[in-house]
């Protein structure tokens, strides 16, 4: 009987342990829940750090001296040098994207061994902080902040065509239409075609300009270009057989019987653009010129007018560079951390 009592007691204890075990397991489960697989995956995605593009650095030539700098910092000096800081924010952003694209294009062309220069006649104008302080004086803080914002809010954004940075040419102002690249650069590019460019003539300094030359001044200008042709300056057909493009710009003309391009004529007589007409007089010759610059790509005053009318920087650049894509700099073919 004693043994039977012991067996009964042990059996009772085992049953009690079995019955109470789920309670302990439930408490443990509350402390360490089993997380569904989907939730685990979502948690991993949320905690992974975002991908950050590596800093792009460039080599800049200033008066023949090379210095290395961040691409975005370089663009602050370019936008400040190339476009008035008083322009609309969206126009300044469009300029930043165009300048970034042009820089990538020039670097890829290997014109300076993979570097870019600060000569606006070759690459792009650029001003240092010291030069900007001298230029803006009391307005330096406001203008500097405005330009830096335009660059930072378009950081890394570039224009491409077929995976390569485009030749994002730009100029000051157009006379209603921009010019196609083949009529100026001799090469047709699908994103540099003539497009409408509505500008406010009243807002553009010297939108229409005149250049008046006496017979003596005409002779000197032509002689500097072609001394043999200068002897024909006083002939009746000083300028003849002019050919104009669909945008209204001079493509070619005969000067004293010699064929020259519109760009050459512009250089010979220091004209502001090739959107030009002329009138001969007894005292000499008078040119009437509309706009300023080669006329290819983005018109800066046109971009500013678009911004005033509510266009975004994206709308501006896609209007002036039709067919181009807006992509990160990292997507440009041949891009590397240090260019």
C-alpha atoms as a PDB file:
ATOM      1  CA  UNK A   1       0.000   0.000   0.000  1.00  0.00           C
ATOM      2  CA  UNK A   2       2.865   2.355   0.834  1.00  0.00           C
ATOM      3  CA  UNK A   3       4.356   1.733  -2.604  1.00  0.00           C
ATOM      4  CA  UNK A   4       0.979   2.258  -4.207  1.00  0.00           C
ATOM      5  CA  UNK A   5       0.676   5.617  -2.424  1.00  0.00           C
ATOM      6  CA  UNK A   6       4.096   6.722  -3.673  1.00  0.00           C
ATOM      7  CA  UNK A   7       3.201   5.772  -7.237  1.00  0.00           C
ATOM      8  CA  UNK A   8      -0.061   7.713  -6.981  1.00  0.00           C
ATOM      9  CA  UNK A   9       1.770  10.832  -5.717  1.00  0.00           C
ATOM     10  CA  UNK A  10       4.413  10.680  -8.513  1.00  0.00           C
ATOM     11  CA  UNK A  11       1.731  10.234 -11.165  1.00  0.00           C
ATOM     12  CA  UNK A  12      -0.170  13.223  -9.789  1.00  0.00           C
ATOM     13  CA  UNK A  13       2.968  15.448  -9.970  1.00  0.00           C
ATOM     14  CA  UNK A  14       3.742  14.416 -13.590  1.00  0.00           C
ATOM     15  CA  UNK A  15       0.214  15.264 -14.690  1.00  0.00           C
ATOM     16  CA  UNK A  16       0.479  18.664 -12.990  1.00  0.00           C
ATOM     17  CA  UNK A  17       3.752  19.466 -14.790  1.00  0.00           C
ATOM     18  CA  UNK A  18       2.256  18.481 -18.166  1.00  0.00           C
ATOM     19  CA  UNK A  19      -0.848  20.602 -17.582  1.00  0.00           C
ATOM     20  CA  UNK A  20       1.076  23.714 -16.514  1.00  0.00           C
ATOM     21  CA  UNK A  21       3.819  23.498 -19.208  1.00  0.00           C
ATOM     22  CA  UNK A  22       1.795  25.371 -21.908  1.00  0.00           C
ATOM     23  CA  UNK A  23       1.343  28.290 -19.521  1.00  0.00           C
ATOM     24  CA  UNK A  24       5.119  28.690 -19.207  1.00  0.00           C
ATOM     25  CA  UNK A  25       5.530  28.340 -22.963  1.00  0.00           C
ATOM     26  CA  UNK A  26       2.915  31.029 -23.581  1.00  0.00           C
ATOM     27  CA  UNK A  27       4.753  33.502 -21.349  1.00  0.00           C
ATOM     28  CA  UNK A  28       8.019  32.727 -23.133  1.00  0.00           C
ATOM     29  CA  UNK A  29       6.367  33.219 -26.502  1.00  0.00           C
ATOM     30  CA  UNK A  30       5.236  36.702 -25.471  1.00  0.00           C
ATOM     31  CA  UNK A  31       8.829  37.669 -24.679  1.00  0.00           C
ATOM     32  CA  UNK A  32      10.372  36.162 -27.877  1.00  0.00           C
ATOM     33  CA  UNK A  33       7.702  36.086 -30.604  1.00  0.00           C
ATOM     34  CA  UNK A  34       8.251  34.089 -33.787  1.00  0.00           C
ATOM     35  CA  UNK A  35       8.373  36.785 -36.522  1.00  0.00           C
ATOM     36  CA  UNK A  36       6.863  35.956 -39.945  1.00  0.00           C
ATOM     37  CA  UNK A  37       9.409  35.739 -42.799  1.00  0.00           C
ATOM     38  CA  UNK A  38       7.868  38.707 -44.657  1.00  0.00           C
ATOM     39  CA  UNK A  39       8.219  40.911 -41.610  1.00  0.00           C
ATOM     40  CA  UNK A  40      11.853  39.918 -41.232  1.00  0.00           C
ATOM     41  CA  UNK A  41      12.511  40.842 -44.852  1.00  0.00           C
ATOM     42  CA  UNK A  42      10.723  44.181 -44.438  1.00  0.00           C
ATOM     43  CA  UNK A  43      12.747  44.928 -41.348  1.00  0.00           C
ATOM     44  CA  UNK A  44      16.008  44.256 -43.215  1.00  0.00           C
ATOM     45  CA  UNK A  45      14.981  46.583 -46.037  1.00  0.00           C
ATOM     46  CA  UNK A  46      14.087  49.351 -43.612  1.00  0.00           C
ATOM     47  CA  UNK A  47      17.328  49.142 -41.677  1.00  0.00           C
ATOM     48  CA  UNK A  48      19.650  48.951 -44.707  1.00  0.00           C
ATOM     49  CA  UNK A  49      21.371  52.327 -45.277  1.00  0.00           C
ATOM     50  CA  UNK A  50      20.370  54.143 -48.496  1.00  0.00           C
ATOM     51  CA  UNK A  51      22.736  53.949 -51.432  1.00  0.00           C
ATOM     52  CA  UNK A  52      24.833  57.112 -51.708  1.00  0.00           C
ATOM     53  CA  UNK A  53      26.612  58.031 -54.936  1.00  0.00           C
ATOM     54  CA  UNK A  54      30.341  58.398 -54.605  1.00  0.00           C
ATOM     55  CA  UNK A  55      31.694  61.901 -54.830  1.00  0.00           C
ATOM     56  CA  UNK A  56      32.677  62.861 -58.364  1.00  0.00           C
ATOM     57  CA  UNK A  57      35.869  64.848 -58.537  1.00  0.00           C
ATOM     58  CA  UNK A  58      37.287  66.714 -61.512  1.00  0.00           C
ATOM     59  CA  UNK A  59      40.561  68.322 -62.530  1.00  0.00           C
ATOM     60  CA  UNK A  60      40.226  72.019 -63.335  1.00  0.00           C
ATOM     61  CA  UNK A  61      42.777  74.084 -65.262  1.00  0.00           C
ATOM     62  CA  UNK A  62      42.909  77.740 -64.236  1.00  0.00           C
ATOM     63  CA  UNK A  63      45.524  79.758 -66.110  1.00  0.00           C
ATOM     64  CA  UNK A  64      47.352  76.526 -66.853  1.00  0.00           C
ATOM     65  CA  UNK A  65      47.477  75.450 -63.206  1.00  0.00           C
ATOM     66  CA  UNK A  66      45.618  72.243 -62.376  1.00  0.00           C
ATOM     67  CA  UNK A  67      43.585  71.752 -59.233  1.00  0.00           C
ATOM     68  CA  UNK A  68      41.306  68.913 -58.160  1.00  0.00           C
ATOM     69  CA  UNK A  69      37.864  69.611 -56.726  1.00  0.00           C
ATOM     70  CA  UNK A  70      34.399  68.244 -56.175  1.00  0.00           C
ATOM     71  CA  UNK A  71      32.180  68.474 -59.272  1.00  0.00           C
ATOM     72  CA  UNK A  72      29.331  70.133 -57.361  1.00  0.00           C
ATOM     73  CA  UNK A  73      31.622  72.737 -55.822  1.00  0.00           C
ATOM     74  CA  UNK A  74      33.059  73.477 -59.271  1.00  0.00           C
ATOM     75  CA  UNK A  75      29.542  74.052 -60.600  1.00  0.00           C
ATOM     76  CA  UNK A  76      28.900  76.821 -58.072  1.00  0.00           C
ATOM     77  CA  UNK A  77      31.706  78.819 -59.709  1.00  0.00           C
ATOM     78  CA  UNK A  78      30.432  77.988 -63.199  1.00  0.00           C
ATOM     79  CA  UNK A  79      26.784  78.940 -62.660  1.00  0.00           C
ATOM     80  CA  UNK A  80      27.853  82.152 -60.927  1.00  0.00           C
ATOM     81  CA  UNK A  81      30.137  83.023 -63.842  1.00  0.00           C
ATOM     82  CA  UNK A  82      27.803  82.005 -66.675  1.00  0.00           C
ATOM     83  CA  UNK A  83      24.358  83.229 -65.547  1.00  0.00           C
ATOM     84  CA  UNK A  84      23.229  86.350 -63.641  1.00  0.00           C
ATOM     85  CA  UNK A  85      22.531  85.446 -59.999  1.00  0.00           C
ATOM     86  CA  UNK A  86      19.426  87.644 -60.178  1.00  0.00           C
ATOM     87  CA  UNK A  87      17.743  85.092 -62.471  1.00  0.00           C
ATOM     88  CA  UNK A  88      14.828  82.901 -61.369  1.00  0.00           C
ATOM     89  CA  UNK A  89      15.718  79.859 -59.193  1.00  0.00           C
ATOM     90  CA  UNK A  90      14.430  77.373 -61.788  1.00  0.00           C
ATOM     91  CA  UNK A  91      16.518  79.033 -64.510  1.00  0.00           C
ATOM     92  CA  UNK A  92      19.602  78.772 -62.283  1.00  0.00           C
ATOM     93  CA  UNK A  93      18.841  75.085 -61.713  1.00  0.00           C
ATOM     94  CA  UNK A  94      18.528  74.547 -65.468  1.00  0.00           C
ATOM     95  CA  UNK A  95      21.912  76.250 -65.884  1.00  0.00           C
ATOM     96  CA  UNK A  96      23.436  74.002 -63.213  1.00  0.00           C
ATOM     97  CA  UNK A  97      22.226  70.867 -65.016  1.00  0.00           C
ATOM     98  CA  UNK A  98      23.400  72.163 -68.403  1.00  0.00           C
ATOM     99  CA  UNK A  99      26.805  73.095 -66.952  1.00  0.00           C
ATOM    100  CA  UNK A 100      27.156  69.711 -65.224  1.00  0.00           C
ATOM    101  CA  UNK A 101      26.315  67.928 -68.473  1.00  0.00           C
ATOM    102  CA  UNK A 102      28.671  70.085 -70.513  1.00  0.00           C
ATOM    103  CA  UNK A 103      31.488  69.474 -68.028  1.00  0.00           C
ATOM    104  CA  UNK A 104      30.994  65.711 -68.273  1.00  0.00           C
ATOM    105  CA  UNK A 105      30.947  65.958 -72.072  1.00  0.00           C
ATOM    106  CA  UNK A 106      34.172  67.987 -72.218  1.00  0.00           C
ATOM    107  CA  UNK A 107      35.953  65.702 -69.776  1.00  0.00           C
ATOM    108  CA  UNK A 108      34.924  62.656 -71.813  1.00  0.00           C
ATOM    109  CA  UNK A 109      36.231  64.330 -74.986  1.00  0.00           C
ATOM    110  CA  UNK A 110      39.717  64.320 -73.411  1.00  0.00           C
ATOM    111  CA  UNK A 111      40.398  67.815 -74.766  1.00  0.00           C
ATOM    112  CA  UNK A 112      42.691  68.574 -71.800  1.00  0.00           C
ATOM    113  CA  UNK A 113      43.735  65.039 -70.977  1.00  0.00           C
ATOM    114  CA  UNK A 114      40.562  64.425 -68.987  1.00  0.00           C
ATOM    115  CA  UNK A 115      40.540  67.828 -67.302  1.00  0.00           C
ATOM    116  CA  UNK A 116      38.384  70.918 -67.974  1.00  0.00           C
ATOM    117  CA  UNK A 117      39.495  74.547 -68.166  1.00  0.00           C
ATOM    118  CA  UNK A 118      38.026  77.832 -66.931  1.00  0.00           C
ATOM    119  CA  UNK A 119      38.274  79.587 -70.306  1.00  0.00           C
ATOM    120  CA  UNK A 120      34.711  80.242 -71.499  1.00  0.00           C
ATOM    121  CA  UNK A 121      35.910  80.296 -75.110  1.00  0.00           C
ATOM    122  CA  UNK A 122      37.093  76.708 -74.737  1.00  0.00           C
ATOM    123  CA  UNK A 123      35.115  75.027 -71.932  1.00  0.00           C
ATOM    124  CA  UNK A 124      33.133  77.010 -69.348  1.00  0.00           C
ATOM    125  CA  UNK A 125      33.732  80.176 -67.371  1.00  0.00           C
ATOM    126  CA  UNK A 126      34.485  79.653 -63.682  1.00  0.00           C
ATOM    127  CA  UNK A 127      35.038  82.053 -60.783  1.00  0.00           C
ATOM    128  CA  UNK A 128      36.637  81.344 -57.413  1.00  0.00           C
ATOM    129  CA  UNK A 129      35.110  82.386 -54.085  1.00  0.00           C
ATOM    130  CA  UNK A 130      37.468  85.360 -53.933  1.00  0.00           C
ATOM    131  CA  UNK A 131      36.445  86.495 -57.414  1.00  0.00           C
ATOM    132  CA  UNK A 132      32.763  86.131 -56.534  1.00  0.00           C
ATOM    133  CA  UNK A 133      33.220  88.248 -53.423  1.00  0.00           C
ATOM    134  CA  UNK A 134      34.757  90.978 -55.577  1.00  0.00           C
ATOM    135  CA  UNK A 135      31.976  90.626 -58.160  1.00  0.00           C
ATOM    136  CA  UNK A 136      28.978  90.661 -55.809  1.00  0.00           C
ATOM    137  CA  UNK A 137      30.381  92.712 -52.895  1.00  0.00           C
ATOM    138  CA  UNK A 138      27.452  93.395 -50.510  1.00  0.00           C
ATOM    139  CA  UNK A 139      25.180  90.897 -52.285  1.00  0.00           C
ATOM    140  CA  UNK A 140      27.699  88.072 -51.901  1.00  0.00           C
ATOM    141  CA  UNK A 141      25.935  86.189 -49.080  1.00  0.00           C
ATOM    142  CA  UNK A 142      22.513  86.265 -50.758  1.00  0.00           C
ATOM    143  CA  UNK A 143      23.750  85.428 -54.235  1.00  0.00           C
ATOM    144  CA  UNK A 144      26.128  82.740 -53.013  1.00  0.00           C
ATOM    145  CA  UNK A 145      23.328  81.010 -51.126  1.00  0.00           C
ATOM    146  CA  UNK A 146      21.028  81.270 -54.146  1.00  0.00           C
ATOM    147  CA  UNK A 147      23.568  79.690 -56.496  1.00  0.00           C
ATOM    148  CA  UNK A 148      24.506  76.957 -54.017  1.00  0.00           C
ATOM    149  CA  UNK A 149      20.842  76.075 -53.577  1.00  0.00           C
ATOM    150  CA  UNK A 150      20.383  75.773 -57.349  1.00  0.00           C
ATOM    151  CA  UNK A 151      23.360  73.413 -57.561  1.00  0.00           C
ATOM    152  CA  UNK A 152      22.462  71.342 -54.496  1.00  0.00           C
ATOM    153  CA  UNK A 153      18.801  70.929 -55.497  1.00  0.00           C
ATOM    154  CA  UNK A 154      19.909  69.428 -58.819  1.00  0.00           C
ATOM    155  CA  UNK A 155      22.839  67.511 -57.352  1.00  0.00           C
ATOM    156  CA  UNK A 156      24.098  64.749 -59.617  1.00  0.00           C
ATOM    157  CA  UNK A 157      21.495  65.408 -62.322  1.00  0.00           C
ATOM    158  CA  UNK A 158      22.831  65.264 -65.848  1.00  0.00           C
ATOM    159  CA  UNK A 159      21.547  65.269 -69.435  1.00  0.00           C
ATOM    160  CA  UNK A 160      22.387  62.265 -71.572  1.00  0.00           C
ATOM    161  CA  UNK A 161      21.724  60.833 -75.001  1.00  0.00           C
ATOM    162  CA  UNK A 162      22.361  57.137 -75.666  1.00  0.00           C
ATOM    163  CA  UNK A 163      24.016  56.833 -72.267  1.00  0.00           C
ATOM    164  CA  UNK A 164      26.553  59.626 -72.806  1.00  0.00           C
ATOM    165  CA  UNK A 165      26.646  63.198 -71.526  1.00  0.00           C
ATOM    166  CA  UNK A 166      25.359  65.645 -74.107  1.00  0.00           C
ATOM    167  CA  UNK A 167      27.068  68.688 -75.523  1.00  0.00           C
ATOM    168  CA  UNK A 168      24.802  70.972 -73.512  1.00  0.00           C
ATOM    169  CA  UNK A 169      25.645  74.196 -75.326  1.00  0.00           C
ATOM    170  CA  UNK A 170      24.035  77.410 -74.099  1.00  0.00           C
ATOM    171  CA  UNK A 171      24.030  81.083 -75.025  1.00  0.00           C
ATOM    172  CA  UNK A 172      22.709  84.368 -73.724  1.00  0.00           C
ATOM    173  CA  UNK A 173      19.685  85.181 -75.898  1.00  0.00           C
ATOM    174  CA  UNK A 174      17.964  84.227 -79.145  1.00  0.00           C
ATOM    175  CA  UNK A 175      15.779  86.099 -81.571  1.00  0.00           C
ATOM    176  CA  UNK A 176      12.722  83.868 -81.251  1.00  0.00           C
ATOM    177  CA  UNK A 177      14.372  80.566 -82.188  1.00  0.00           C
ATOM    178  CA  UNK A 178      17.568  78.738 -81.292  1.00  0.00           C
ATOM    179  CA  UNK A 179      19.917  77.420 -83.986  1.00  0.00           C
ATOM    180  CA  UNK A 180      20.665  73.841 -85.038  1.00  0.00           C
ATOM    181  CA  UNK A 181      24.163  72.648 -84.208  1.00  0.00           C
ATOM    182  CA  UNK A 182      25.141  71.760 -87.789  1.00  0.00           C
ATOM    183  CA  UNK A 183      24.768  75.406 -88.830  1.00  0.00           C
ATOM    184  CA  UNK A 184      27.291  76.541 -86.213  1.00  0.00           C
ATOM    185  CA  UNK A 185      29.444  73.584 -85.150  1.00  0.00           C
ATOM    186  CA  UNK A 186      29.264  71.706 -88.454  1.00  0.00           C
ATOM    187  CA  UNK A 187      27.821  68.612 -86.765  1.00  0.00           C
ATOM    188  CA  UNK A 188      24.158  67.637 -86.518  1.00  0.00           C
ATOM    189  CA  UNK A 189      23.189  66.487 -83.026  1.00  0.00           C
ATOM    190  CA  UNK A 190      19.633  65.218 -82.410  1.00  0.00           C
ATOM    191  CA  UNK A 191      19.238  67.164 -79.159  1.00  0.00           C
ATOM    192  CA  UNK A 192      20.625  70.453 -80.558  1.00  0.00           C
ATOM    193  CA  UNK A 193      17.954  71.409 -83.061  1.00  0.00           C
ATOM    194  CA  UNK A 194      16.169  74.708 -83.585  1.00  0.00           C
ATOM    195  CA  UNK A 195      13.362  75.251 -81.064  1.00  0.00           C
ATOM    196  CA  UNK A 196      11.162  78.177 -80.185  1.00  0.00           C
ATOM    197  CA  UNK A 197      12.664  80.526 -77.624  1.00  0.00           C
ATOM    198  CA  UNK A 198      10.274  83.113 -76.269  1.00  0.00           C
ATOM    199  CA  UNK A 199      12.166  85.932 -74.652  1.00  0.00           C
ATOM    200  CA  UNK A 200      11.083  89.256 -73.291  1.00  0.00           C
ATOM    201  CA  UNK A 201      13.046  91.828 -75.331  1.00  0.00           C
ATOM    202  CA  UNK A 202      12.552  94.416 -72.596  1.00  0.00           C
ATOM    203  CA  UNK A 203      14.285  92.125 -70.081  1.00  0.00           C
ATOM    204  CA  UNK A 204      17.333  91.422 -72.273  1.00  0.00           C
ATOM    205  CA  UNK A 205      20.126  94.025 -72.259  1.00  0.00           C
ATOM    206  CA  UNK A 206      21.049  95.067 -75.811  1.00  0.00           C
ATOM    207  CA  UNK A 207      18.548  92.601 -77.254  1.00  0.00           C
ATOM    208  CA  UNK A 208      18.811  94.549 -80.504  1.00  0.00           C
ATOM    209  CA  UNK A 209      22.187  96.146 -81.131  1.00  0.00           C
ATOM    210  CA  UNK A 210      23.787  98.029 -84.005  1.00  0.00           C
ATOM    211  CA  UNK A 211      27.332  98.167 -85.303  1.00  0.00           C
ATOM    212  CA  UNK A 212      28.130 101.113 -87.576  1.00  0.00           C
ATOM    213  CA  UNK A 213      31.382 101.133 -89.522  1.00  0.00           C
ATOM    214  CA  UNK A 214      32.887 103.856 -91.676  1.00  0.00           C
ATOM    215  CA  UNK A 215      34.638 102.989 -94.945  1.00  0.00           C
ATOM    216  CA  UNK A 216      37.969 103.248 -93.157  1.00  0.00           C
ATOM    217  CA  UNK A 217      36.827 100.964 -90.342  1.00  0.00           C
ATOM    218  CA  UNK A 218      35.409  98.503 -92.865  1.00  0.00           C
ATOM    219  CA  UNK A 219      38.738  98.385 -94.685  1.00  0.00           C
ATOM    220  CA  UNK A 220      40.660  97.783 -91.442  1.00  0.00           C
ATOM    221  CA  UNK A 221      38.319  94.996 -90.291  1.00  0.00           C
ATOM    222  CA  UNK A 222      38.383  93.193 -93.653  1.00  0.00           C
ATOM    223  CA  UNK A 223      42.154  93.657 -94.054  1.00  0.00           C
ATOM    224  CA  UNK A 224      42.740  92.038 -90.653  1.00  0.00           C
ATOM    225  CA  UNK A 225      40.868  89.007 -91.995  1.00  0.00           C
ATOM    226  CA  UNK A 226      42.013  89.008 -95.649  1.00  0.00           C
ATOM    227  CA  UNK A 227      44.269  91.776 -96.866  1.00  0.00           C
ATOM    228  CA  UNK A 228      43.787  90.871-100.536  1.00  0.00           C
ATOM    229  CA  UNK A 229      40.000  91.105-100.213  1.00  0.00           C
ATOM    230  CA  UNK A 230      40.177  94.486 -98.477  1.00  0.00           C
ATOM    231  CA  UNK A 231      40.940  96.277-101.747  1.00  0.00           C
ATOM    232  CA  UNK A 232      37.364  95.464-102.821  1.00  0.00           C
ATOM    233  CA  UNK A 233      35.691  97.045 -99.782  1.00  0.00           C
ATOM    234  CA  UNK A 234      34.531 100.094-101.779  1.00  0.00           C
ATOM    235  CA  UNK A 235      33.004  97.926-104.506  1.00  0.00           C
ATOM    236  CA  UNK A 236      29.225  97.891-104.713  1.00  0.00           C
ATOM    237  CA  UNK A 237      28.859  94.233-103.675  1.00  0.00           C
ATOM    238  CA  UNK A 238      30.541  94.312-100.281  1.00  0.00           C
ATOM    239  CA  UNK A 239      28.181  91.622 -98.957  1.00  0.00           C
ATOM    240  CA  UNK A 240      26.341  89.386-101.424  1.00  0.00           C
ATOM    241  CA  UNK A 241      24.683  85.987-101.876  1.00  0.00           C
ATOM    242  CA  UNK A 242      23.622  85.723 -98.251  1.00  0.00           C
ATOM    243  CA  UNK A 243      22.063  82.436 -97.095  1.00  0.00           C
ATOM    244  CA  UNK A 244      19.953  82.289 -93.918  1.00  0.00           C
ATOM    245  CA  UNK A 245      18.834  79.287 -91.867  1.00  0.00           C
ATOM    246  CA  UNK A 246      15.245  78.556 -90.893  1.00  0.00           C
ATOM    247  CA  UNK A 247      15.925  80.206 -87.522  1.00  0.00           C
ATOM    248  CA  UNK A 248      16.756  83.466 -89.311  1.00  0.00           C
ATOM    249  CA  UNK A 249      20.495  83.383 -88.728  1.00  0.00           C
ATOM    250  CA  UNK A 250      23.150  84.028 -91.345  1.00  0.00           C
ATOM    251  CA  UNK A 251      24.716  80.777 -92.527  1.00  0.00           C
ATOM    252  CA  UNK A 252      26.995  82.083 -95.274  1.00  0.00           C
ATOM    253  CA  UNK A 253      27.693  85.169 -97.358  1.00  0.00           C
ATOM    254  CA  UNK A 254      30.271  86.510 -99.777  1.00  0.00           C
ATOM    255  CA  UNK A 255      32.376  89.283 -98.283  1.00  0.00           C
ATOM    256  CA  UNK A 256      34.225  91.219-100.974  1.00  0.00           C
ATOM    257  CA  UNK A 257      33.697  88.198-103.223  1.00  0.00           C
ATOM    258  CA  UNK A 258      35.084  85.687-100.678  1.00  0.00           C
ATOM    259  CA  UNK A 259      32.764  83.092 -99.121  1.00  0.00           C
ATOM    260  CA  UNK A 260      32.547  83.220 -95.318  1.00  0.00           C
ATOM    261  CA  UNK A 261      30.270  81.562 -92.781  1.00  0.00           C
ATOM    262  CA  UNK A 262      27.934  83.537 -90.592  1.00  0.00           C
ATOM    263  CA  UNK A 263      30.155  82.791 -87.605  1.00  0.00           C
ATOM    264  CA  UNK A 264      33.207  84.129 -89.464  1.00  0.00           C
ATOM    265  CA  UNK A 265      31.394  87.329 -90.378  1.00  0.00           C
ATOM    266  CA  UNK A 266      30.358  87.729 -86.755  1.00  0.00           C
ATOM    267  CA  UNK A 267      33.997  87.425 -85.692  1.00  0.00           C
ATOM    268  CA  UNK A 268      35.320  89.783 -88.386  1.00  0.00           C
ATOM    269  CA  UNK A 269      32.986  92.617 -87.398  1.00  0.00           C
ATOM    270  CA  UNK A 270      32.591  91.803 -83.672  1.00  0.00           C
ATOM    271  CA  UNK A 271      28.846  91.210 -83.910  1.00  0.00           C
ATOM    272  CA  UNK A 272      26.859  89.893 -80.940  1.00  0.00           C
ATOM    273  CA  UNK A 273      25.226  87.102 -82.968  1.00  0.00           C
ATOM    274  CA  UNK A 274      24.578  85.844 -86.503  1.00  0.00           C
ATOM    275  CA  UNK A 275      20.938  86.933 -86.339  1.00  0.00           C
ATOM    276  CA  UNK A 276      21.934  89.926 -88.410  1.00  0.00           C
ATOM    277  CA  UNK A 277      20.873  92.233 -91.223  1.00  0.00           C
ATOM    278  CA  UNK A 278      22.793  95.144 -92.774  1.00  0.00           C
ATOM    279  CA  UNK A 279      22.376  98.310 -94.757  1.00  0.00           C
ATOM    280  CA  UNK A 280      24.969 100.006 -96.936  1.00  0.00           C
ATOM    281  CA  UNK A 281      25.233 103.757 -96.878  1.00  0.00           C
ATOM    282  CA  UNK A 282      27.493 106.411 -98.338  1.00  0.00           C
ATOM    283  CA  UNK A 283      29.315 106.669 -95.032  1.00  0.00           C
ATOM    284  CA  UNK A 284      29.853 102.952 -94.579  1.00  0.00           C
ATOM    285  CA  UNK A 285      27.835  99.994 -93.324  1.00  0.00           C
ATOM    286  CA  UNK A 286      25.376  99.419 -90.458  1.00  0.00           C
ATOM    287  CA  UNK A 287      24.659  95.978 -88.983  1.00  0.00           C
ATOM    288  CA  UNK A 288      21.513  95.344 -86.945  1.00  0.00           C
ATOM    289  CA  UNK A 289      21.875  92.346 -84.622  1.00  0.00           C
ATOM    290  CA  UNK A 290      19.347  90.466 -82.483  1.00  0.00           C
ATOM    291  CA  UNK A 291      20.306  88.452 -79.401  1.00  0.00           C
ATOM    292  CA  UNK A 292      23.726  87.457 -78.147  1.00  0.00           C
ATOM    293  CA  UNK A 293      25.740  84.282 -78.636  1.00  0.00           C
ATOM    294  CA  UNK A 294      25.973  81.377 -81.089  1.00  0.00           C
ATOM    295  CA  UNK A 295      22.309  80.525 -80.640  1.00  0.00           C
ATOM    296  CA  UNK A 296      22.737  76.773 -80.072  1.00  0.00           C
ATOM    297  CA  UNK A 297      21.144  74.933 -77.145  1.00  0.00           C
ATOM    298  CA  UNK A 298      19.652  76.705 -74.153  1.00  0.00           C
ATOM    299  CA  UNK A 299      18.969  80.410 -74.307  1.00  0.00           C
ATOM    300  CA  UNK A 300      19.645  81.738 -70.818  1.00  0.00           C
ATOM    301  CA  UNK A 301      17.210  84.635 -71.091  1.00  0.00           C
ATOM    302  CA  UNK A 302      14.726  82.276 -72.684  1.00  0.00           C
ATOM    303  CA  UNK A 303      15.158  79.899 -69.736  1.00  0.00           C
ATOM    304  CA  UNK A 304      14.621  82.766 -67.309  1.00  0.00           C
ATOM    305  CA  UNK A 305      11.448  83.802 -69.100  1.00  0.00           C
ATOM    306  CA  UNK A 306      10.161  80.213 -68.998  1.00  0.00           C
ATOM    307  CA  UNK A 307      10.876  80.122 -65.259  1.00  0.00           C
ATOM    308  CA  UNK A 308       8.982  83.386 -64.746  1.00  0.00           C
ATOM    309  CA  UNK A 309       6.010  81.817 -66.522  1.00  0.00           C
ATOM    310  CA  UNK A 310       6.067  78.816 -64.178  1.00  0.00           C
ATOM    311  CA  UNK A 311       8.228  76.207 -65.917  1.00  0.00           C
ATOM    312  CA  UNK A 312      10.388  73.885 -63.821  1.00  0.00           C
ATOM    313  CA  UNK A 313      14.064  73.312 -64.515  1.00  0.00           C
ATOM    314  CA  UNK A 314      13.190  69.895 -65.929  1.00  0.00           C
ATOM    315  CA  UNK A 315      10.752  71.446 -68.402  1.00  0.00           C
ATOM    316  CA  UNK A 316      13.304  74.067 -69.381  1.00  0.00           C
ATOM    317  CA  UNK A 317      16.173  71.689 -70.167  1.00  0.00           C
ATOM    318  CA  UNK A 318      13.960  69.185 -71.976  1.00  0.00           C
ATOM    319  CA  UNK A 319      12.596  72.023 -74.115  1.00  0.00           C
ATOM    320  CA  UNK A 320      16.012  73.294 -75.165  1.00  0.00           C
ATOM    321  CA  UNK A 321      17.601  69.826 -75.454  1.00  0.00           C
ATOM    322  CA  UNK A 322      14.770  67.752 -77.007  1.00  0.00           C
ATOM    323  CA  UNK A 323      15.341  64.010 -76.925  1.00  0.00           C
ATOM    324  CA  UNK A 324      17.820  64.140 -74.044  1.00  0.00           C
ATOM    325  CA  UNK A 325      17.248  62.205 -70.802  1.00  0.00           C
ATOM    326  CA  UNK A 326      17.728  63.435 -67.248  1.00  0.00           C
ATOM    327  CA  UNK A 327      19.878  60.839 -65.465  1.00  0.00           C
ATOM    328  CA  UNK A 328      22.261  60.613 -62.477  1.00  0.00           C
ATOM    329  CA  UNK A 329      25.895  61.368 -63.244  1.00  0.00           C
ATOM    330  CA  UNK A 330      26.687  57.794 -62.190  1.00  0.00           C
ATOM    331  CA  UNK A 331      24.673  56.547 -65.186  1.00  0.00           C
ATOM    332  CA  UNK A 332      26.895  58.363 -67.680  1.00  0.00           C
ATOM    333  CA  UNK A 333      29.136  56.043 -69.680  1.00  0.00           C
ATOM    334  CA  UNK A 334      32.759  56.210 -68.602  1.00  0.00           C
ATOM    335  CA  UNK A 335      32.070  58.012 -65.319  1.00  0.00           C
ATOM    336  CA  UNK A 336      34.419  57.238 -62.447  1.00  0.00           C
ATOM    337  CA  UNK A 337      35.021  58.474 -58.941  1.00  0.00           C
ATOM    338  CA  UNK A 338      37.863  60.746 -59.998  1.00  0.00           C
ATOM    339  CA  UNK A 339      37.692  61.908 -63.589  1.00  0.00           C
END
